[in-house]
PDB file of N, CA and C in Angstrom:
ATOM      1  N   UNK A   1       4.825 -70.288-185.521  1.00  0.00           N
ATOM      2  CA  UNK A   1       5.977 -69.435-185.721  1.00  0.00           C
ATOM      3  C   UNK A   1       5.847 -68.212-184.820  1.00  0.00           C
ATOM      4  N   UNK A   2       6.944 -67.805-184.214  1.00  0.00           N
ATOM      5  CA  UNK A   2       6.965 -66.645-183.324  1.00  0.00           C
ATOM      6  C   UNK A   2       7.363 -65.378-184.063  1.00  0.00           C
ATOM      7  N   UNK A   3       8.443 -65.453-184.862  1.00  0.00           N
ATOM      8  CA  UNK A   3       8.950 -64.255-185.512  1.00  0.00           C
ATOM      9  C   UNK A   3       9.922 -64.574-186.622  1.00  0.00           C
ATOM     10  N   UNK A   4      10.317 -63.513-187.330  1.00  0.00           N
ATOM     11  CA  UNK A   4      11.245 -63.647-188.453  1.00  0.00           C
ATOM     12  C   UNK A   4      12.214 -62.472-188.463  1.00  0.00           C
ATOM     13  N   UNK A   5      13.367 -62.701-189.058  1.00  0.00           N
ATOM     14  CA  UNK A   5      14.254 -61.617-189.446  1.00  0.00           C
ATOM     15  C   UNK A   5      14.522 -61.795-190.932  1.00  0.00           C
ATOM     16  N   UNK A   6      15.506 -61.144-191.475  1.00  0.00           N
ATOM     17  CA  UNK A   6      15.710 -61.206-192.916  1.00  0.00           C
ATOM     18  C   UNK A   6      16.149 -62.579-193.404  1.00  0.00           C
ATOM     19  N   UNK A   7      16.721 -63.400-192.533  1.00  0.00           N
ATOM     20  CA  UNK A   7      17.253 -64.697-192.956  1.00  0.00           C
ATOM     21  C   UNK A   7      16.609 -65.899-192.295  1.00  0.00           C
ATOM     22  N   UNK A   8      15.981 -65.720-191.141  1.00  0.00           N
ATOM     23  CA  UNK A   8      15.588 -66.844-190.311  1.00  0.00           C
ATOM     24  C   UNK A   8      14.184 -66.668-189.748  1.00  0.00           C
ATOM     25  N   UNK A   9      13.487 -67.779-189.585  1.00  0.00           N
ATOM     26  CA  UNK A   9      12.213 -67.798-188.856  1.00  0.00           C
ATOM     27  C   UNK A   9      12.467 -68.448-187.499  1.00  0.00           C
ATOM     28  N   UNK A  10      11.782 -67.951-186.484  1.00  0.00           N
ATOM     29  CA  UNK A  10      11.965 -68.448-185.125  1.00  0.00           C
ATOM     30  C   UNK A  10      10.657 -69.032-184.609  1.00  0.00           C
ATOM     31  N   UNK A  11      10.758 -70.162-183.934  1.00  0.00           N
ATOM     32  CA  UNK A  11       9.601 -70.808-183.336  1.00  0.00           C
ATOM     33  C   UNK A  11       9.871 -70.998-181.853  1.00  0.00           C
ATOM     34  N   UNK A  12       8.865 -71.500-181.145  1.00  0.00           N
ATOM     35  CA  UNK A  12       9.062 -71.712-179.701  1.00  0.00           C
ATOM     36  C   UNK A  12      10.115 -72.776-179.425  1.00  0.00           C
ATOM     37  N   UNK A  13      10.480 -73.561-180.437  1.00  0.00           N
ATOM     38  CA  UNK A  13      11.534 -74.573-180.255  1.00  0.00           C
ATOM     39  C   UNK A  13      12.905 -73.939-180.069  1.00  0.00           C
ATOM     40  N   UNK A  14      13.028 -72.651-180.333  1.00  0.00           N
ATOM     41  CA  UNK A  14      14.293 -71.942-180.168  1.00  0.00           C
ATOM     42  C   UNK A  14      14.491 -71.407-178.751  1.00  0.00           C
ATOM     43  N   UNK A  15      13.633 -71.800-177.810  1.00  0.00           N
ATOM     44  CA  UNK A  15      13.724 -71.202-176.476  1.00  0.00           C
ATOM     45  C   UNK A  15      14.991 -71.605-175.732  1.00  0.00           C
ATOM     46  N   UNK A  16      15.561 -72.789-176.010  1.00  0.00           N
ATOM     47  CA  UNK A  16      16.798 -73.196-175.335  1.00  0.00           C
ATOM     48  C   UNK A  16      18.015 -72.585-176.018  1.00  0.00           C
ATOM     49  N   UNK A  17      18.089 -72.730-177.334  1.00  0.00           N
ATOM     50  CA  UNK A  17      19.200 -72.182-178.109  1.00  0.00           C
ATOM     51  C   UNK A  17      18.612 -71.543-179.365  1.00  0.00           C
ATOM     52  N   UNK A  18      18.937 -70.298-179.592  1.00  0.00           N
ATOM     53  CA  UNK A  18      18.385 -69.558-180.725  1.00  0.00           C
ATOM     54  C   UNK A  18      19.113 -69.975-182.004  1.00  0.00           C
ATOM     55  N   UNK A  19      18.488 -70.861-182.752  1.00  0.00           N
ATOM     56  CA  UNK A  19      19.055 -71.324-184.019  1.00  0.00           C
ATOM     57  C   UNK A  19      18.251 -70.805-185.190  1.00  0.00           C
ATOM     58  N   UNK A  20      16.945 -70.877-185.086  1.00  0.00           N
ATOM     59  CA  UNK A  20      16.085 -70.459-186.173  1.00  0.00           C
ATOM     60  C   UNK A  20      16.050 -71.470-187.299  1.00  0.00           C
ATOM     61  N   UNK A  21      15.232 -71.174-188.303  1.00  0.00           N
ATOM     62  CA  UNK A  21      15.051 -72.087-189.420  1.00  0.00           C
ATOM     63  C   UNK A  21      15.028 -71.277-190.710  1.00  0.00           C
ATOM     64  N   UNK A  22      16.120 -71.344-191.473  1.00  0.00           N
ATOM     65  CA  UNK A  22      16.227 -70.598-192.729  1.00  0.00           C
ATOM     66  C   UNK A  22      15.253 -71.149-193.771  1.00  0.00           C
ATOM     67  N   UNK A  23      15.022 -72.452-193.783  1.00  0.00           N
ATOM     68  CA  UNK A  23      14.081 -73.049-194.723  1.00  0.00           C
ATOM     69  C   UNK A  23      12.660 -72.574-194.482  1.00  0.00           C
ATOM     70  N   UNK A  24      12.269 -72.484-193.224  1.00  0.00           N
ATOM     71  CA  UNK A  24      10.943 -71.986-192.875  1.00  0.00           C
ATOM     72  C   UNK A  24      10.812 -70.510-193.246  1.00  0.00           C
ATOM     73  N   UNK A  25      11.887 -69.740-193.064  1.00  0.00           N
ATOM     74  CA  UNK A  25      11.845 -68.307-193.407  1.00  0.00           C
ATOM     75  C   UNK A  25      11.559 -68.107-194.886  1.00  0.00           C
ATOM     76  N   UNK A  26      12.110 -68.960-195.741  1.00  0.00           N
ATOM     77  CA  UNK A  26      11.888 -68.839-197.182  1.00  0.00           C
ATOM     78  C   UNK A  26      10.426 -69.071-197.552  1.00  0.00           C
ATOM     79  N   UNK A  27       9.694 -69.764-196.692  1.00  0.00           N
ATOM     80  CA  UNK A  27       8.287 -70.036-196.954  1.00  0.00           C
ATOM     81  C   UNK A  27       7.367 -68.916-196.475  1.00  0.00           C
ATOM     82  N   UNK A  28       7.880 -68.010-195.659  1.00  0.00           N
ATOM     83  CA  UNK A  28       7.062 -66.936-195.092  1.00  0.00           C
ATOM     84  C   UNK A  28       6.955 -65.787-196.086  1.00  0.00           C
ATOM     85  N   UNK A  29       5.732 -65.395-196.386  1.00  0.00           N
ATOM     86  CA  UNK A  29       5.485 -64.259-197.278  1.00  0.00           C
ATOM     87  C   UNK A  29       4.973 -63.098-196.446  1.00  0.00           C
ATOM     88  N   UNK A  30       5.685 -61.999-196.470  1.00  0.00           N
ATOM     89  CA  UNK A  30       5.292 -60.797-195.742  1.00  0.00           C
ATOM     90  C   UNK A  30       4.835 -59.751-196.749  1.00  0.00           C
ATOM     91  N   UNK A  31       3.577 -59.359-196.674  1.00  0.00           N
ATOM     92  CA  UNK A  31       3.036 -58.381-197.618  1.00  0.00           C
ATOM     93  C   UNK A  31       2.849 -57.031-196.944  1.00  0.00           C
ATOM     94  N   UNK A  32       2.815 -55.964-197.749  1.00  0.00           N
ATOM     95  CA  UNK A  32       2.568 -54.627-197.213  1.00  0.00           C
ATOM     96  C   UNK A  32       1.185 -54.538-196.602  1.00  0.00           C
ATOM     97  N   UNK A  33       0.220 -55.243-197.192  1.00  0.00           N
ATOM     98  CA  UNK A  33      -1.134 -55.224-196.642  1.00  0.00           C
ATOM     99  C   UNK A  33      -1.175 -55.817-195.247  1.00  0.00           C
ATOM    100  N   UNK A  34      -0.348 -56.807-195.019  1.00  0.00           N
ATOM    101  CA  UNK A  34      -0.350 -57.492-193.737  1.00  0.00           C
ATOM    102  C   UNK A  34       0.414 -56.710-192.667  1.00  0.00           C
ATOM    103  N   UNK A  35       1.542 -56.114-193.019  1.00  0.00           N
ATOM    104  CA  UNK A  35       2.406 -55.520-191.997  1.00  0.00           C
ATOM    105  C   UNK A  35       2.751 -54.059-192.232  1.00  0.00           C
ATOM    106  N   UNK A  36       2.329 -53.461-193.307  1.00  0.00           N
ATOM    107  CA  UNK A  36       2.586 -52.049-193.536  1.00  0.00           C
ATOM    108  C   UNK A  36       3.953 -51.784-194.127  1.00  0.00           C
ATOM    109  N   UNK A  37       4.298 -50.509-194.185  1.00  0.00           N
ATOM    110  CA  UNK A  37       5.531 -50.074-194.837  1.00  0.00           C
ATOM    111  C   UNK A  37       6.769 -50.197-193.957  1.00  0.00           C
ATOM    112  N   UNK A  38       6.596 -50.443-192.679  1.00  0.00           N
ATOM    113  CA  UNK A  38       7.749 -50.542-191.773  1.00  0.00           C
ATOM    114  C   UNK A  38       8.495 -51.865-191.921  1.00  0.00           C
ATOM    115  N   UNK A  39       7.824 -52.872-192.443  1.00  0.00           N
ATOM    116  CA  UNK A  39       8.429 -54.198-192.558  1.00  0.00           C
ATOM    117  C   UNK A  39       9.756 -54.187-193.307  1.00  0.00           C
ATOM    118  N   UNK A  40       9.845 -53.580-194.512  1.00  0.00           N
ATOM    119  CA  UNK A  40      11.139 -53.574-195.197  1.00  0.00           C
ATOM    120  C   UNK A  40      12.240 -52.886-194.399  1.00  0.00           C
ATOM    121  N   UNK A  41      11.892 -51.826-193.700  1.00  0.00           N
ATOM    122  CA  UNK A  41      12.889 -51.105-192.898  1.00  0.00           C
ATOM    123  C   UNK A  41      13.410 -52.001-191.780  1.00  0.00           C
ATOM    124  N   UNK A  42      12.502 -52.695-191.123  1.00  0.00           N
ATOM    125  CA  UNK A  42      12.898 -53.595-190.030  1.00  0.00           C
ATOM    126  C   UNK A  42      13.837 -54.676-190.544  1.00  0.00           C
ATOM    127  N   UNK A  43      13.464 -55.310-191.648  1.00  0.00           N
ATOM    128  CA  UNK A  43      14.251 -56.429-192.153  1.00  0.00           C
ATOM    129  C   UNK A  43      15.584 -55.983-192.746  1.00  0.00           C
ATOM    130  N   UNK A  44      15.625 -54.804-193.353  1.00  0.00           N
ATOM    131  CA  UNK A  44      16.867 -54.321-193.949  1.00  0.00           C
ATOM    132  C   UNK A  44      17.826 -53.739-192.922  1.00  0.00           C
ATOM    133  N   UNK A  45      17.349 -53.450-191.732  1.00  0.00           N
ATOM    134  CA  UNK A  45      18.209 -52.861-190.700  1.00  0.00           C
ATOM    135  C   UNK A  45      18.585 -53.878-189.624  1.00  0.00           C
ATOM    136  N   UNK A  46      18.555 -55.174-189.982  1.00  0.00           N
ATOM    137  CA  UNK A  46      18.928 -56.257-189.077  1.00  0.00           C
ATOM    138  C   UNK A  46      17.966 -56.398-187.903  1.00  0.00           C
ATOM    139  N   UNK A  47      16.708 -55.979-188.125  1.00  0.00           N
ATOM    140  CA  UNK A  47      15.690 -56.110-187.100  1.00  0.00           C
ATOM    141  C   UNK A  47      14.921 -57.403-187.250  1.00  0.00           C
ATOM    142  N   UNK A  48      13.886 -57.563-186.453  1.00  0.00           N
ATOM    143  CA  UNK A  48      13.059 -58.761-186.509  1.00  0.00           C
ATOM    144  C   UNK A  48      11.611 -58.393-186.238  1.00  0.00           C
ATOM    145  N   UNK A  49      10.709 -59.245-186.702  1.00  0.00           N
ATOM    146  CA  UNK A  49       9.274 -59.078-186.497  1.00  0.00           C
ATOM    147  C   UNK A  49       8.760 -60.260-185.695  1.00  0.00           C
ATOM    148  N   UNK A  50       8.005 -59.969-184.652  1.00  0.00           N
ATOM    149  CA  UNK A  50       7.407 -61.021-183.838  1.00  0.00           C
ATOM    150  C   UNK A  50       5.923 -60.759-183.694  1.00  0.00           C
ATOM    151  N   UNK A  51       5.148 -61.813-183.562  1.00  0.00           N
ATOM    152  CA  UNK A  51       3.712 -61.681-183.361  1.00  0.00           C
ATOM    153  C   UNK A  51       3.388 -61.685-181.874  1.00  0.00           C
ATOM    154  N   UNK A  52       2.468 -60.840-181.481  1.00  0.00           N
ATOM    155  CA  UNK A  52       2.051 -60.826-180.080  1.00  0.00           C
ATOM    156  C   UNK A  52       0.946 -61.841-179.822  1.00  0.00           C
ATOM    157  N   UNK A  53       0.467 -62.502-180.857  1.00  0.00           N
ATOM    158  CA  UNK A  53      -0.593 -63.515-180.705  1.00  0.00           C
ATOM    159  C   UNK A  53      -0.159 -64.641-179.771  1.00  0.00           C
ATOM    160  N   UNK A  54       1.129 -64.917-179.727  1.00  0.00           N
ATOM    161  CA  UNK A  54       1.632 -66.001-178.876  1.00  0.00           C
ATOM    162  C   UNK A  54       1.460 -65.691-177.393  1.00  0.00           C
ATOM    163  N   UNK A  55       1.187 -64.425-177.068  1.00  0.00           N
ATOM    164  CA  UNK A  55       1.005 -64.052-175.674  1.00  0.00           C
ATOM    165  C   UNK A  55      -0.471 -64.077-175.281  1.00  0.00           C
ATOM    166  N   UNK A  56      -1.358 -64.335-176.238  1.00  0.00           N
ATOM    167  CA  UNK A  56      -2.797 -64.352-175.975  1.00  0.00           C
ATOM    168  C   UNK A  56      -3.292 -65.757-175.669  1.00  0.00           C
ATOM    169  N   UNK A  57      -2.626 -66.421-174.776  1.00  0.00           N
ATOM    170  CA  UNK A  57      -3.005 -67.778-174.396  1.00  0.00           C
ATOM    171  C   UNK A  57      -2.940 -67.898-172.878  1.00  0.00           C
ATOM    172  N   UNK A  58      -3.708 -68.830-172.359  1.00  0.00           N
ATOM    173  CA  UNK A  58      -3.669 -69.088-170.921  1.00  0.00           C
ATOM    174  C   UNK A  58      -2.536 -70.024-170.537  1.00  0.00           C
ATOM    175  N   UNK A  59      -1.877 -70.607-171.545  1.00  0.00           N
ATOM    176  CA  UNK A  59      -0.776 -71.530-171.291  1.00  0.00           C
ATOM    177  C   UNK A  59       0.493 -70.719-171.013  1.00  0.00           C
ATOM    178  N   UNK A  60       0.794 -70.535-169.751  1.00  0.00           N
ATOM    179  CA  UNK A  60       1.939 -69.703-169.359  1.00  0.00           C
ATOM    180  C   UNK A  60       3.269 -70.280-169.814  1.00  0.00           C
ATOM    181  N   UNK A  61       3.350 -71.584-169.981  1.00  0.00           N
ATOM    182  CA  UNK A  61       4.570 -72.210-170.463  1.00  0.00           C
ATOM    183  C   UNK A  61       4.868 -71.767-171.897  1.00  0.00           C
ATOM    184  N   UNK A  62       3.837 -71.698-172.745  1.00  0.00           N
ATOM    185  CA  UNK A  62       4.027 -71.236-174.126  1.00  0.00           C
ATOM    186  C   UNK A  62       4.422 -69.761-174.171  1.00  0.00           C
ATOM    187  N   UNK A  63       3.809 -68.961-173.316  1.00  0.00           N
ATOM    188  CA  UNK A  63       4.144 -67.539-173.249  1.00  0.00           C
ATOM    189  C   UNK A  63       5.595 -67.373-172.817  1.00  0.00           C
ATOM    190  N   UNK A  64       6.029 -68.137-171.837  1.00  0.00           N
ATOM    191  CA  UNK A  64       7.414 -68.071-171.354  1.00  0.00           C
ATOM    192  C   UNK A  64       8.396 -68.437-172.461  1.00  0.00           C
ATOM    193  N   UNK A  65       8.091 -69.493-173.217  1.00  0.00           N
ATOM    194  CA  UNK A  65       8.969 -69.892-174.318  1.00  0.00           C
ATOM    195  C   UNK A  65       9.035 -68.804-175.384  1.00  0.00           C
ATOM    196  N   UNK A  66       7.877 -68.219-175.725  1.00  0.00           N
ATOM    197  CA  UNK A  66       7.856 -67.134-176.699  1.00  0.00           C
ATOM    198  C   UNK A  66       8.735 -65.978-176.241  1.00  0.00           C
ATOM    199  N   UNK A  67       8.575 -65.580-174.984  1.00  0.00           N
ATOM    200  CA  UNK A  67       9.354 -64.451-174.465  1.00  0.00           C
ATOM    201  C   UNK A  67      10.848 -64.751-174.434  1.00  0.00           C
ATOM    202  N   UNK A  68      11.218 -65.995-174.192  1.00  0.00           N
ATOM    203  CA  UNK A  68      12.634 -66.361-174.210  1.00  0.00           C
ATOM    204  C   UNK A  68      13.202 -66.251-175.626  1.00  0.00           C
ATOM    205  N   UNK A  69      12.449 -66.705-176.616  1.00  0.00           N
ATOM    206  CA  UNK A  69      12.901 -66.589-178.004  1.00  0.00           C
ATOM    207  C   UNK A  69      12.998 -65.118-178.392  1.00  0.00           C
ATOM    208  N   UNK A  70      11.993 -64.340-178.049  1.00  0.00           N
ATOM    209  CA  UNK A  70      11.962 -62.910-178.356  1.00  0.00           C
ATOM    210  C   UNK A  70      13.163 -62.194-177.746  1.00  0.00           C
ATOM    211  N   UNK A  71      13.429 -62.443-176.473  1.00  0.00           N
ATOM    212  CA  UNK A  71      14.547 -61.792-175.787  1.00  0.00           C
ATOM    213  C   UNK A  71      15.896 -62.213-176.361  1.00  0.00           C
ATOM    214  N   UNK A  72      16.038 -63.485-176.708  1.00  0.00           N
ATOM    215  CA  UNK A  72      17.305 -63.958-177.277  1.00  0.00           C
ATOM    216  C   UNK A  72      17.562 -63.331-178.647  1.00  0.00           C
ATOM    217  N   UNK A  73      16.499 -63.132-179.430  1.00  0.00           N
ATOM    218  CA  UNK A  73      16.679 -62.517-180.751  1.00  0.00           C
ATOM    219  C   UNK A  73      17.077 -61.054-180.596  1.00  0.00           C
ATOM    220  N   UNK A  74      16.492 -60.358-179.659  1.00  0.00           N
ATOM    221  CA  UNK A  74      16.867 -58.963-179.415  1.00  0.00           C
ATOM    222  C   UNK A  74      18.326 -58.890-178.969  1.00  0.00           C
ATOM    223  N   UNK A  75      18.700 -59.751-178.040  1.00  0.00           N
ATOM    224  CA  UNK A  75      20.070 -59.738-177.522  1.00  0.00           C
ATOM    225  C   UNK A  75      21.085 -60.116-178.587  1.00  0.00           C
ATOM    226  N   UNK A  76      20.663 -60.876-179.578  1.00  0.00           N
ATOM    227  CA  UNK A  76      21.582 -61.329-180.632  1.00  0.00           C
ATOM    228  C   UNK A  76      22.214 -60.157-181.387  1.00  0.00           C
ATOM    229  N   UNK A  77      21.461 -59.105-181.618  1.00  0.00           N
ATOM    230  CA  UNK A  77      21.986 -57.980-182.404  1.00  0.00           C
ATOM    231  C   UNK A  77      22.016 -56.664-181.636  1.00  0.00           C
ATOM    232  N   UNK A  78      21.678 -56.676-180.367  1.00  0.00           N
ATOM    233  CA  UNK A  78      21.720 -55.444-179.587  1.00  0.00           C
ATOM    234  C   UNK A  78      23.167 -55.136-179.209  1.00  0.00           C
ATOM    235  N   UNK A  79      23.650 -53.951-179.542  1.00  0.00           N
ATOM    236  CA  UNK A  79      25.035 -53.630-179.181  1.00  0.00           C
ATOM    237  C   UNK A  79      25.167 -53.371-177.683  1.00  0.00           C
ATOM    238  N   UNK A  80      26.170 -53.952-177.094  1.00  0.00           N
ATOM    239  CA  UNK A  80      26.454 -53.714-175.677  1.00  0.00           C
ATOM    240  C   UNK A  80      27.237 -52.416-175.546  1.00  0.00           C
ATOM    241  N   UNK A  81      26.934 -51.617-174.548  1.00  0.00           N
ATOM    242  CA  UNK A  81      27.692 -50.381-174.363  1.00  0.00           C
ATOM    243  C   UNK A  81      29.138 -50.686-173.981  1.00  0.00           C
ATOM    244  N   UNK A  82      30.041 -49.827-174.422  1.00  0.00           N
ATOM    245  CA  UNK A  82      31.456 -50.018-174.101  1.00  0.00           C
ATOM    246  C   UNK A  82      31.717 -49.815-172.617  1.00  0.00           C
ATOM    247  N   UNK A  83      30.942 -48.930-172.022  1.00  0.00           N
ATOM    248  CA  UNK A  83      31.115 -48.641-170.605  1.00  0.00           C
ATOM    249  C   UNK A  83      29.745 -48.349-170.004  1.00  0.00           C
ATOM    250  N   UNK A  84      29.462 -48.977-168.861  1.00  0.00           N
ATOM    251  CA  UNK A  84      28.224 -48.681-168.154  1.00  0.00           C
ATOM    252  C   UNK A  84      28.436 -48.838-166.655  1.00  0.00           C
ATOM    253  N   UNK A  85      27.612 -48.151-165.909  1.00  0.00           N
ATOM    254  CA  UNK A  85      27.638 -48.226-164.457  1.00  0.00           C
ATOM    255  C   UNK A  85      26.313 -48.826-164.005  1.00  0.00           C
ATOM    256  N   UNK A  86      26.368 -49.852-163.187  1.00  0.00           N
ATOM    257  CA  UNK A  86      25.149 -50.522-162.740  1.00  0.00           C
ATOM    258  C   UNK A  86      25.058 -50.458-161.216  1.00  0.00           C
ATOM    259  N   UNK A  87      23.824 -50.332-160.743  1.00  0.00           N
ATOM    260  CA  UNK A  87      23.551 -50.314-159.315  1.00  0.00           C
ATOM    261  C   UNK A  87      22.433 -51.300-159.021  1.00  0.00           C
ATOM    262  N   UNK A  88      22.523 -51.951-157.888  1.00  0.00           N
ATOM    263  CA  UNK A  88      21.438 -52.814-157.439  1.00  0.00           C
ATOM    264  C   UNK A  88      20.552 -51.980-156.530  1.00  0.00           C
ATOM    265  N   UNK A  89      19.300 -51.804-156.916  1.00  0.00           N
ATOM    266  CA  UNK A  89      18.348 -51.001-156.154  1.00  0.00           C
ATOM    267  C   UNK A  89      17.138 -51.847-155.805  1.00  0.00           C
ATOM    268  N   UNK A  90      16.295 -51.317-154.935  1.00  0.00           N
ATOM    269  CA  UNK A  90      15.048 -52.001-154.605  1.00  0.00           C
ATOM    270  C   UNK A  90      13.912 -50.997-154.594  1.00  0.00           C
ATOM    271  N   UNK A  91      12.708 -51.505-154.855  1.00  0.00           N
ATOM    272  CA  UNK A  91      11.541 -50.627-154.824  1.00  0.00           C
ATOM    273  C   UNK A  91      10.982 -50.574-153.405  1.00  0.00           C
ATOM    274  N   UNK A  92       9.817 -49.955-153.246  1.00  0.00           N
ATOM    275  CA  UNK A  92       9.224 -49.789-151.917  1.00  0.00           C
ATOM    276  C   UNK A  92       8.823 -51.117-151.274  1.00  0.00           C
ATOM    277  N   UNK A  93       8.665 -52.150-152.111  1.00  0.00           N
ATOM    278  CA  UNK A  93       8.288 -53.469-151.591  1.00  0.00           C
ATOM    279  C   UNK A  93       9.490 -54.359-151.321  1.00  0.00           C
ATOM    280  N   UNK A  94      10.697 -53.840-151.509  1.00  0.00           N
ATOM    281  CA  UNK A  94      11.903 -54.613-151.251  1.00  0.00           C
ATOM    282  C   UNK A  94      12.327 -55.508-152.396  1.00  0.00           C
ATOM    283  N   UNK A  95      11.692 -55.366-153.558  1.00  0.00           N
ATOM    284  CA  UNK A  95      12.057 -56.182-154.717  1.00  0.00           C
ATOM    285  C   UNK A  95      13.242 -55.524-155.415  1.00  0.00           C
ATOM    286  N   UNK A  96      14.317 -56.283-155.570  1.00  0.00           N
ATOM    287  CA  UNK A  96      15.541 -55.714-156.125  1.00  0.00           C
ATOM    288  C   UNK A  96      15.529 -55.757-157.644  1.00  0.00           C
ATOM    289  N   UNK A  97      16.250 -54.810-158.233  1.00  0.00           N
ATOM    290  CA  UNK A  97      16.417 -54.733-159.687  1.00  0.00           C
ATOM    291  C   UNK A  97      17.703 -53.990-159.986  1.00  0.00           C
ATOM    292  N   UNK A  98      18.221 -54.218-161.175  1.00  0.00           N
ATOM    293  CA  UNK A  98      19.451 -53.554-161.607  1.00  0.00           C
ATOM    294  C   UNK A  98      19.107 -52.319-162.421  1.00  0.00           C
ATOM    295  N   UNK A  99      19.771 -51.232-162.145  1.00  0.00           N
ATOM    296  CA  UNK A  99      19.681 -50.012-162.940  1.00  0.00           C
ATOM    297  C   UNK A  99      21.052 -49.775-163.545  1.00  0.00           C
ATOM    298  N   UNK A 100      21.121 -49.750-164.867  1.00  0.00           N
ATOM    299  CA  UNK A 100      22.387 -49.537-165.555  1.00  0.00           C
ATOM    300  C   UNK A 100      22.312 -48.287-166.413  1.00  0.00           C
ATOM    301  N   UNK A 101      23.396 -47.527-166.415  1.00  0.00           N
ATOM    302  CA  UNK A 101      23.465 -46.277-167.161  1.00  0.00           C
ATOM    303  C   UNK A 101      24.782 -46.226-167.922  1.00  0.00           C
ATOM    304  N   UNK A 102      24.779 -45.615-169.106  1.00  0.00           N
ATOM    305  CA  UNK A 102      26.052 -45.464-169.818  1.00  0.00           C
ATOM    306  C   UNK A 102      26.976 -44.534-169.052  1.00  0.00           C
ATOM    307  N   UNK A 103      28.265 -44.745-169.184  1.00  0.00           N
ATOM    308  CA  UNK A 103      29.236 -43.896-168.493  1.00  0.00           C
ATOM    309  C   UNK A 103      29.158 -42.452-168.989  1.00  0.00           C
ATOM    310  N   UNK A 104      28.850 -42.292-170.257  1.00  0.00           N
ATOM    311  CA  UNK A 104      28.657 -40.955-170.804  1.00  0.00           C
ATOM    312  C   UNK A 104      27.543 -41.014-171.825  1.00  0.00           C
ATOM    313  N   UNK A 105      26.772 -39.961-171.876  1.00  0.00           N
ATOM    314  CA  UNK A 105      25.669 -39.888-172.823  1.00  0.00           C
ATOM    315  C   UNK A 105      26.133 -39.176-174.084  1.00  0.00           C
ATOM    316  N   UNK A 106      25.687 -39.640-175.241  1.00  0.00           N
ATOM    317  CA  UNK A 106      26.073 -38.948-176.478  1.00  0.00           C
ATOM    318  C   UNK A 106      25.442 -37.557-176.526  1.00  0.00           C
ATOM    319  N   UNK A 107      26.192 -36.613-177.025  1.00  0.00           N
ATOM    320  CA  UNK A 107      25.679 -35.253-177.174  1.00  0.00           C
ATOM    321  C   UNK A 107      25.918 -34.796-178.603  1.00  0.00           C
ATOM    322  N   UNK A 108      25.093 -33.896-179.019  1.00  0.00           N
ATOM    323  CA  UNK A 108      25.259 -33.340-180.360  1.00  0.00           C
ATOM    324  C   UNK A 108      26.450 -32.386-180.347  1.00  0.00           C
ATOM    325  N   UNK A 109      27.357 -32.562-181.272  1.00  0.00           N
ATOM    326  CA  UNK A 109      28.558 -31.728-181.314  1.00  0.00           C
ATOM    327  C   UNK A 109      28.264 -30.351-181.889  1.00  0.00           C
ATOM    328  N   UNK A 110      27.348 -30.280-182.822  1.00  0.00           N
ATOM    329  CA  UNK A 110      27.070 -29.011-183.479  1.00  0.00           C
ATOM    330  C   UNK A 110      25.602 -28.989-183.881  1.00  0.00           C
ATOM    331  N   UNK A 111      24.844 -28.108-183.256  1.00  0.00           N
ATOM    332  CA  UNK A 111      23.422 -27.992-183.552  1.00  0.00           C
ATOM    333  C   UNK A 111      23.161 -26.612-184.136  1.00  0.00           C
ATOM    334  N   UNK A 112      22.439 -26.584-185.233  1.00  0.00           N
ATOM    335  CA  UNK A 112      22.085 -25.297-185.831  1.00  0.00           C
ATOM    336  C   UNK A 112      20.692 -24.905-185.382  1.00  0.00           C
ATOM    337  N   UNK A 113      20.588 -23.744-184.738  1.00  0.00           N
ATOM    338  CA  UNK A 113      19.299 -23.201-184.351  1.00  0.00           C
ATOM    339  C   UNK A 113      18.952 -22.115-185.356  1.00  0.00           C
ATOM    340  N   UNK A 114      17.813 -22.234-185.987  1.00  0.00           N
ATOM    341  CA  UNK A 114      17.418 -21.273-187.007  1.00  0.00           C
ATOM    342  C   UNK A 114      16.302 -20.416-186.444  1.00  0.00           C
ATOM    343  N   UNK A 115      16.538 -19.103-186.416  1.00  0.00           N
ATOM    344  CA  UNK A 115      15.541 -18.154-185.958  1.00  0.00           C
ATOM    345  C   UNK A 115      15.567 -16.981-186.914  1.00  0.00           C
ATOM    346  N   UNK A 116      14.552 -16.843-187.716  1.00  0.00           N
ATOM    347  CA  UNK A 116      14.466 -15.828-188.763  1.00  0.00           C
ATOM    348  C   UNK A 116      15.664 -15.964-189.689  1.00  0.00           C
ATOM    349  N   UNK A 117      16.530 -14.947-189.737  1.00  0.00           N
ATOM    350  CA  UNK A 117      17.681 -14.989-190.617  1.00  0.00           C
ATOM    351  C   UNK A 117      18.968 -15.291-189.858  1.00  0.00           C
ATOM    352  N   UNK A 118      18.862 -15.617-188.582  1.00  0.00           N
ATOM    353  CA  UNK A 118      20.053 -15.825-187.762  1.00  0.00           C
ATOM    354  C   UNK A 118      20.318 -17.321-187.608  1.00  0.00           C
ATOM    355  N   UNK A 119      21.522 -17.742-187.904  1.00  0.00           N
ATOM    356  CA  UNK A 119      21.913 -19.126-187.690  1.00  0.00           C
ATOM    357  C   UNK A 119      23.066 -19.118-186.691  1.00  0.00           C
ATOM    358  N   UNK A 120      22.871 -19.811-185.577  1.00  0.00           N
ATOM    359  CA  UNK A 120      23.900 -19.876-184.553  1.00  0.00           C
ATOM    360  C   UNK A 120      24.416 -21.291-184.469  1.00  0.00           C
ATOM    361  N   UNK A 121      25.700 -21.441-184.295  1.00  0.00           N
ATOM    362  CA  UNK A 121      26.298 -22.746-184.070  1.00  0.00           C
ATOM    363  C   UNK A 121      26.672 -22.847-182.593  1.00  0.00           C
ATOM    364  N   UNK A 122      26.143 -23.852-181.938  1.00  0.00           N
ATOM    365  CA  UNK A 122      26.439 -24.046-180.526  1.00  0.00           C
ATOM    366  C   UNK A 122      26.955 -25.458-180.325  1.00  0.00           C
ATOM    367  N   UNK A 123      27.884 -25.590-179.406  1.00  0.00           N
ATOM    368  CA  UNK A 123      28.345 -26.930-179.063  1.00  0.00           C
ATOM    369  C   UNK A 123      27.627 -27.442-177.833  1.00  0.00           C
ATOM    370  N   UNK A 124      27.126 -26.552-176.988  1.00  0.00           N
ATOM    371  CA  UNK A 124      26.351 -26.947-175.811  1.00  0.00           C
ATOM    372  C   UNK A 124      25.011 -26.225-175.856  1.00  0.00           C
ATOM    373  N   UNK A 125      23.907 -26.947-176.108  1.00  0.00           N
ATOM    374  CA  UNK A 125      22.602 -26.302-176.183  1.00  0.00           C
ATOM    375  C   UNK A 125      22.168 -25.729-174.841  1.00  0.00           C
TER     376      UNK A 125
END
């Protein structure tokens, strides 16, 4: 098994199409001793847990399948930005890569700065 979310368990067999196995997920027991207190937060917030043990092998084909399942699960619930600007760039060795940025960055509308007894409201920090 590679990973789980609140409803499904994922194995390397999901590398072509991310389907998961709800029956297998019901058999998985996640304890606080095993994964700590963050586990409930991850599962309740539509997140997923994956083991890095699958990457500790010399079989690169298995590692590739694991990474494909991992990436597909992340993409399944990752929100796409409404607007982004992308550029094709290259590094010093000529290897190209995409750099994408949101069209606008979120800003805090109202921040309270507390200094002694003075409270100021600013819209632009």
